[in-house]
Amino acid sequence: MRERPRPPRTYPAAYKLRILEEYEQLDKAGKGALLRREGLYTSLLSEWRKQRDKGALQALQQRRGRPPVDPRDRELARLERENARLRDQVARQAKVIEVQGELSALLGRLATSSDDPAGEDPGGSEPSS
């Protein structure tokens, strides 16, 4: 069975900086030993040195993703959402109460008009029973 080729290795920025610092402090024999021990090539270190000099490694050391959120900001956002939800709920309940009041007043007028003989049909026709 054939062995699949491995993808290129990736190295964290902290590792690159540590290896560069160590490499630059060693003599020629020590540099070769470091490269063999870590399985690296001088061309790779040259590339890392260029990245370091351009400031790319410092940028890589920064944490990725969203910046950490202050717990107070998170709590404030939660409370604001809850406040908006409750305001909406109160507004809907107020509308229901308003409609119930109008319905009650209408039913009250209908009840009094059916009890009141003056509220009869203007045509004067008697209800057929």
N, C-alpha and C. Protein backbone atom coordinates (compact mmCIF):
# COMPACT_ATOMS: atom_id res chain seq x y z
N MET A 1 0.83 -1.17 0.00
CA MET A 1 0.00 0.00 0.00
C MET A 1 0.89 1.25 0.00
N ARG A 2 0.54 2.24 -0.81
CA ARG A 2 1.34 3.46 -0.90
C ARG A 2 1.05 4.37 0.28
N GLU A 3 2.08 5.00 0.72
CA GLU A 3 1.94 5.94 1.83
C GLU A 3 1.53 7.30 1.27
N ARG A 4 0.52 7.91 1.93
CA ARG A 4 0.06 9.22 1.47
C ARG A 4 1.08 10.29 1.83
N PRO A 5 1.28 11.25 0.93
CA PRO A 5 2.22 12.33 1.26
C PRO A 5 1.64 13.19 2.39
N ARG A 6 2.53 13.60 3.28
CA ARG A 6 2.10 14.44 4.39
C ARG A 6 1.98 15.89 3.92
N PRO A 7 1.02 16.62 4.47
CA PRO A 7 0.94 18.04 4.14
C PRO A 7 2.11 18.78 4.78
N PRO A 8 2.42 19.96 4.30
CA PRO A 8 3.52 20.72 4.89
C PRO A 8 3.26 20.98 6.38
N ARG A 9 4.33 20.91 7.16
CA ARG A 9 4.18 21.15 8.59
C ARG A 9 3.93 22.62 8.84
N THR A 10 3.15 22.90 9.85
CA THR A 10 2.93 24.28 10.27
C THR A 10 3.49 24.44 11.67
N TYR A 11 4.02 25.60 11.94
CA TYR A 11 4.68 25.84 13.21
C TYR A 11 4.06 27.07 13.87
N PRO A 12 3.80 27.01 15.17
CA PRO A 12 3.29 28.18 15.87
C PRO A 12 4.33 29.30 15.90
N ALA A 13 3.88 30.52 15.98
CA ALA A 13 4.77 31.67 15.97
C ALA A 13 5.74 31.62 17.16
N ALA A 14 5.26 31.19 18.31
CA ALA A 14 6.13 31.13 19.49
C ALA A 14 7.28 30.15 19.26
N TYR A 15 6.97 29.02 18.61
CA TYR A 15 8.01 28.02 18.30
C TYR A 15 9.04 28.62 17.35
N LYS A 16 8.58 29.31 16.32
CA LYS A 16 9.49 29.91 15.36
C LYS A 16 10.43 30.90 16.04
N LEU A 17 9.87 31.75 16.89
CA LEU A 17 10.70 32.74 17.58
C LEU A 17 11.72 32.06 18.50
N ARG A 18 11.27 31.04 19.21
CA ARG A 18 12.17 30.33 20.13
C ARG A 18 13.33 29.69 19.37
N ILE A 19 13.03 29.03 18.26
CA ILE A 19 14.06 28.37 17.46
C ILE A 19 15.02 29.42 16.88
N LEU A 20 14.49 30.53 16.37
CA LEU A 20 15.36 31.57 15.81
C LEU A 20 16.31 32.13 16.87
N GLU A 21 15.77 32.40 18.06
CA GLU A 21 16.63 32.93 19.13
C GLU A 21 17.72 31.93 19.51
N GLU A 22 17.33 30.67 19.63
CA GLU A 22 18.30 29.63 19.98
C GLU A 22 19.34 29.47 18.87
N TYR A 23 18.90 29.45 17.63
CA TYR A 23 19.79 29.27 16.47
C TYR A 23 20.82 30.39 16.39
N GLU A 24 20.38 31.61 16.62
CA GLU A 24 21.29 32.75 16.49
C GLU A 24 22.31 32.82 17.61
N GLN A 25 22.14 32.12 18.70
CA GLN A 25 23.09 32.14 19.81
C GLN A 25 24.12 31.01 19.71
N LEU A 26 23.93 30.09 18.78
CA LEU A 26 24.80 28.92 18.70
C LEU A 26 25.94 29.13 17.70
N ASP A 27 27.02 28.31 17.87
CA ASP A 27 28.10 28.31 16.88
C ASP A 27 27.70 27.40 15.72
N LYS A 28 28.58 27.24 14.74
CA LYS A 28 28.25 26.50 13.53
C LYS A 28 27.86 25.06 13.83
N ALA A 29 28.60 24.37 14.68
CA ALA A 29 28.29 22.97 15.00
C ALA A 29 26.96 22.87 15.76
N GLY A 30 26.72 23.81 16.66
CA GLY A 30 25.47 23.81 17.43
C GLY A 30 24.27 24.09 16.55
N LYS A 31 24.47 24.95 15.54
CA LYS A 31 23.37 25.26 14.62
C LYS A 31 22.97 24.01 13.84
N GLY A 32 23.96 23.27 13.37
CA GLY A 32 23.66 22.03 12.64
C GLY A 32 22.94 21.02 13.51
N ALA A 33 23.38 20.91 14.77
CA ALA A 33 22.74 19.96 15.70
C ALA A 33 21.29 20.36 15.95
N LEU A 34 21.03 21.67 16.10
CA LEU A 34 19.67 22.15 16.32
C LEU A 34 18.78 21.81 15.12
N LEU A 35 19.30 22.05 13.93
CA LEU A 35 18.51 21.77 12.73
C LEU A 35 18.18 20.29 12.61
N ARG A 36 19.16 19.42 12.91
CA ARG A 36 18.91 17.98 12.85
C ARG A 36 17.91 17.56 13.93
N ARG A 37 18.09 18.07 15.14
CA ARG A 37 17.20 17.71 16.25
C ARG A 37 15.75 18.08 15.94
N GLU A 38 15.55 19.26 15.35
CA GLU A 38 14.19 19.74 15.08
C GLU A 38 13.67 19.32 13.71
N GLY A 39 14.53 18.77 12.86
CA GLY A 39 14.12 18.36 11.52
C GLY A 39 13.82 19.55 10.63
N LEU A 40 14.65 20.59 10.73
CA LEU A 40 14.43 21.82 9.97
C LEU A 40 15.55 22.04 8.96
N TYR A 41 15.31 22.96 8.03
CA TYR A 41 16.31 23.34 7.03
C TYR A 41 16.64 24.82 7.20
N THR A 42 17.85 25.18 6.76
CA THR A 42 18.26 26.58 6.89
C THR A 42 17.38 27.50 6.06
N SER A 43 16.85 27.01 4.95
CA SER A 43 15.97 27.85 4.13
C SER A 43 14.70 28.21 4.89
N LEU A 44 14.22 27.28 5.70
CA LEU A 44 13.03 27.55 6.50
C LEU A 44 13.32 28.62 7.55
N LEU A 45 14.50 28.52 8.19
CA LEU A 45 14.88 29.53 9.17
C LEU A 45 15.05 30.90 8.52
N SER A 46 15.57 30.93 7.30
CA SER A 46 15.70 32.20 6.58
C SER A 46 14.33 32.82 6.35
N GLU A 47 13.36 31.99 5.98
CA GLU A 47 12.00 32.49 5.78
C GLU A 47 11.41 33.01 7.08
N TRP A 48 11.61 32.29 8.18
CA TRP A 48 11.12 32.72 9.48
C TRP A 48 11.76 34.05 9.89
N ARG A 49 13.06 34.19 9.59
CA ARG A 49 13.77 35.42 9.94
C ARG A 49 13.16 36.61 9.19
N LYS A 50 12.84 36.40 7.91
CA LYS A 50 12.19 37.46 7.12
C LYS A 50 10.83 37.82 7.72
N GLN A 51 10.08 36.79 8.12
CA GLN A 51 8.78 37.04 8.73
C GLN A 51 8.94 37.83 10.02
N ARG A 52 9.91 37.44 10.82
CA ARG A 52 10.14 38.14 12.09
C ARG A 52 10.51 39.59 11.84
N ASP A 53 11.38 39.82 10.88
CA ASP A 53 11.82 41.18 10.59
C ASP A 53 10.68 42.06 10.07
N LYS A 54 9.73 41.45 9.37
CA LYS A 54 8.58 42.20 8.88
C LYS A 54 7.51 42.37 9.96
N GLY A 55 7.67 41.69 11.10
CA GLY A 55 6.69 41.79 12.18
C GLY A 55 5.56 40.80 12.05
N ALA A 56 5.66 39.87 11.11
CA ALA A 56 4.57 38.92 10.88
C ALA A 56 4.42 37.95 12.05
N LEU A 57 5.52 37.60 12.69
CA LEU A 57 5.41 36.62 13.78
C LEU A 57 4.69 37.21 14.99
N GLN A 58 4.90 38.50 15.26
CA GLN A 58 4.18 39.12 16.36
C GLN A 58 2.68 39.14 16.06
N ALA A 59 2.35 39.38 14.80
CA ALA A 59 0.93 39.38 14.42
C ALA A 59 0.34 37.98 14.56
N LEU A 60 1.14 36.95 14.25
CA LEU A 60 0.65 35.58 14.37
C LEU A 60 0.46 35.16 15.82
N GLN A 61 1.18 35.78 16.74
CA GLN A 61 1.06 35.40 18.14
C GLN A 61 -0.23 35.89 18.75
N GLN A 62 -0.86 36.88 18.15
CA GLN A 62 -2.11 37.38 18.69
C GLN A 62 -3.18 36.31 18.56
N ARG A 63 -4.08 36.28 19.53
CA ARG A 63 -5.13 35.28 19.52
C ARG A 63 -6.10 35.54 18.38
N ARG A 64 -6.53 34.46 17.77
CA ARG A 64 -7.49 34.57 16.67
C ARG A 64 -8.90 34.59 17.23
N GLY A 65 -9.83 34.93 16.34
CA GLY A 65 -11.23 34.90 16.72
C GLY A 65 -11.66 36.18 17.40
N ARG A 66 -12.79 36.09 18.05
CA ARG A 66 -13.34 37.26 18.72
C ARG A 66 -12.48 37.62 19.91
N PRO A 67 -12.36 38.91 20.17
CA PRO A 67 -11.65 39.30 21.39
C PRO A 67 -12.49 38.91 22.61
N PRO A 68 -11.84 38.64 23.72
CA PRO A 68 -12.61 38.24 24.90
C PRO A 68 -13.57 39.36 25.31
N VAL A 69 -14.75 38.95 25.75
CA VAL A 69 -15.78 39.90 26.12
C VAL A 69 -15.78 40.06 27.63
N ASP A 70 -15.90 41.31 28.06
CA ASP A 70 -16.00 41.59 29.49
C ASP A 70 -17.32 41.01 30.00
N PRO A 71 -17.31 40.28 31.10
CA PRO A 71 -18.56 39.69 31.61
C PRO A 71 -19.63 40.74 31.88
N ARG A 72 -19.22 41.94 32.26
CA ARG A 72 -20.21 43.00 32.52
C ARG A 72 -20.90 43.41 31.22
N ASP A 73 -20.14 43.47 30.11
CA ASP A 73 -20.73 43.82 28.82
C ASP A 73 -21.71 42.74 28.37
N ARG A 74 -21.34 41.48 28.59
CA ARG A 74 -22.22 40.37 28.22
C ARG A 74 -23.52 40.43 29.03
N GLU A 75 -23.39 40.71 30.33
CA GLU A 75 -24.57 40.80 31.19
C GLU A 75 -25.44 41.99 30.78
N LEU A 76 -24.81 43.12 30.45
CA LEU A 76 -25.55 44.30 30.02
C LEU A 76 -26.34 44.00 28.75
N ALA A 77 -25.71 43.33 27.79
CA ALA A 77 -26.40 42.99 26.54
C ALA A 77 -27.57 42.05 26.81
N ARG A 78 -27.39 41.09 27.71
CA ARG A 78 -28.48 40.16 28.06
C ARG A 78 -29.63 40.91 28.68
N LEU A 79 -29.33 41.83 29.61
CA LEU A 79 -30.38 42.59 30.27
C LEU A 79 -31.11 43.52 29.30
N GLU A 80 -30.37 44.09 28.35
CA GLU A 80 -31.02 44.95 27.35
C GLU A 80 -31.97 44.14 26.47
N ARG A 81 -31.57 42.93 26.09
CA ARG A 81 -32.46 42.06 25.29
C ARG A 81 -33.69 41.69 26.10
N GLU A 82 -33.50 41.35 27.36
CA GLU A 82 -34.63 40.98 28.20
C GLU A 82 -35.56 42.17 28.40
N ASN A 83 -34.99 43.36 28.58
CA ASN A 83 -35.80 44.57 28.75
C ASN A 83 -36.64 44.81 27.51
N ALA A 84 -36.05 44.69 26.32
CA ALA A 84 -36.79 44.89 25.07
C ALA A 84 -37.90 43.85 24.93
N ARG A 85 -37.60 42.60 25.30
CA ARG A 85 -38.62 41.55 25.23
C ARG A 85 -39.78 41.84 26.15
N LEU A 86 -39.47 42.28 27.37
CA LEU A 86 -40.53 42.57 28.34
C LEU A 86 -41.35 43.79 27.92
N ARG A 87 -40.69 44.81 27.35
CA ARG A 87 -41.43 45.98 26.86
C ARG A 87 -42.42 45.57 25.76
N ASP A 88 -41.98 44.69 24.86
CA ASP A 88 -42.85 44.20 23.80
C ASP A 88 -44.03 43.42 24.39
N GLN A 89 -43.74 42.60 25.38
CA GLN A 89 -44.79 41.81 26.02
C GLN A 89 -45.81 42.72 26.71
N VAL A 90 -45.35 43.76 27.39
CA VAL A 90 -46.26 44.70 28.07
C VAL A 90 -47.10 45.45 27.04
N ALA A 91 -46.50 45.83 25.92
CA ALA A 91 -47.25 46.54 24.88
C ALA A 91 -48.35 45.65 24.31
N ARG A 92 -48.04 44.36 24.09
CA ARG A 92 -49.06 43.44 23.59
C ARG A 92 -50.18 43.25 24.61
N GLN A 93 -49.82 43.13 25.88
CA GLN A 93 -50.83 42.96 26.92
C GLN A 93 -51.71 44.20 27.06
N ALA A 94 -51.11 45.38 26.91
CA ALA A 94 -51.89 46.62 26.96
C ALA A 94 -52.89 46.67 25.81
N LYS A 95 -52.47 46.22 24.63
CA LYS A 95 -53.37 46.20 23.47
C LYS A 95 -54.52 45.23 23.72
N VAL A 96 -54.23 44.05 24.31
CA VAL A 96 -55.28 43.08 24.62
C VAL A 96 -56.28 43.68 25.61
N ILE A 97 -55.78 44.37 26.63
CA ILE A 97 -56.66 44.99 27.63
C ILE A 97 -57.51 46.07 26.97
N GLU A 98 -56.93 46.85 26.07
CA GLU A 98 -57.68 47.89 25.37
C GLU A 98 -58.81 47.28 24.54
N VAL A 99 -58.51 46.20 23.80
CA VAL A 99 -59.52 45.54 22.98
C VAL A 99 -60.60 44.93 23.87
N GLN A 100 -60.21 44.34 24.99
CA GLN A 100 -61.20 43.76 25.91
C GLN A 100 -62.13 44.84 26.46
N GLY A 101 -61.56 46.02 26.76
CA GLY A 101 -62.39 47.14 27.25
C GLY A 101 -63.38 47.60 26.20
N GLU A 102 -62.92 47.72 24.95
CA GLU A 102 -63.82 48.12 23.87
C GLU A 102 -64.91 47.08 23.65
N LEU A 103 -64.55 45.81 23.71
CA LEU A 103 -65.51 44.73 23.54
C LEU A 103 -66.54 44.75 24.67
N SER A 104 -66.06 44.98 25.90
CA SER A 104 -66.98 45.02 27.04
C SER A 104 -67.96 46.18 26.90
N ALA A 105 -67.45 47.35 26.47
CA ALA A 105 -68.34 48.50 26.28
C ALA A 105 -69.36 48.22 25.18
N LEU A 106 -68.95 47.59 24.08
CA LEU A 106 -69.85 47.27 22.99
C LEU A 106 -70.91 46.27 23.44
N LEU A 107 -70.51 45.25 24.17
CA LEU A 107 -71.47 44.26 24.67
C LEU A 107 -72.43 44.90 25.66
N GLY A 108 -71.91 45.84 26.47
CA GLY A 108 -72.79 46.54 27.41
C GLY A 108 -73.84 47.36 26.67
N ARG A 109 -73.45 48.03 25.60
CA ARG A 109 -74.42 48.81 24.82
C ARG A 109 -75.42 47.89 24.14
N LEU A 110 -74.98 46.76 23.64
CA LEU A 110 -75.90 45.82 23.01
C LEU A 110 -76.90 45.27 24.02
N ALA A 111 -76.43 44.99 25.23
CA ALA A 111 -77.32 44.44 26.26
C ALA A 111 -78.36 45.47 26.67
N THR A 112 -77.96 46.72 26.82
CA THR A 112 -78.93 47.75 27.23
C THR A 112 -79.88 48.08 26.09
N SER A 113 -79.42 48.01 24.84
CA SER A 113 -80.32 48.32 23.72
C SER A 113 -81.34 47.20 23.52
N SER A 114 -81.00 45.96 23.84
CA SER A 114 -81.98 44.87 23.69
C SER A 114 -82.99 44.88 24.83
N ASP A 115 -82.62 45.40 26.00
CA ASP A 115 -83.55 45.52 27.12
C ASP A 115 -84.44 46.75 26.98
N ASP A 116 -83.99 47.76 26.32
CA ASP A 116 -84.72 49.03 26.20
C ASP A 116 -85.71 48.95 25.04
N PRO A 117 -87.02 49.18 25.30
CA PRO A 117 -88.00 49.14 24.20
C PRO A 117 -87.80 50.29 23.22
N ALA A 118 -87.13 51.35 23.62
CA ALA A 118 -86.90 52.47 22.72
C ALA A 118 -85.89 52.11 21.65
N GLY A 119 -85.17 51.05 21.88
CA GLY A 119 -84.18 50.65 20.92
C GLY A 119 -84.74 49.72 19.86
N GLU A 120 -86.11 49.73 19.70
CA GLU A 120 -86.72 48.85 18.71
C GLU A 120 -86.47 49.34 17.31
N ASP A 121 -86.87 48.52 16.39
CA ASP A 121 -86.71 48.78 14.97
C ASP A 121 -87.50 50.04 14.60
N PRO A 122 -86.93 51.00 13.89
CA PRO A 122 -87.68 52.22 13.53
C PRO A 122 -88.86 51.93 12.61
N GLY A 123 -88.87 50.81 11.95
CA GLY A 123 -89.99 50.46 11.08
C GLY A 123 -91.21 50.09 11.88
N GLY A 124 -91.09 49.83 13.17
CA GLY A 124 -92.21 49.52 14.04
C GLY A 124 -92.73 48.13 13.88
N SER A 125 -92.02 47.27 13.25
CA SER A 125 -92.52 45.91 13.06
C SER A 125 -92.31 45.12 14.34
N GLU A 126 -93.24 44.29 14.64
CA GLU A 126 -93.19 43.44 15.83
C GLU A 126 -92.32 42.24 15.53
N PRO A 127 -91.58 41.80 16.53
CA PRO A 127 -90.82 40.57 16.30
C PRO A 127 -91.75 39.40 16.12
N SER A 128 -91.50 38.56 15.17
CA SER A 128 -92.34 37.40 14.95
C SER A 128 -91.90 36.27 15.85
N SER A 129 -92.87 35.71 16.60
CA SER A 129 -92.55 34.63 17.51
C SER A 129 -93.24 33.39 17.10
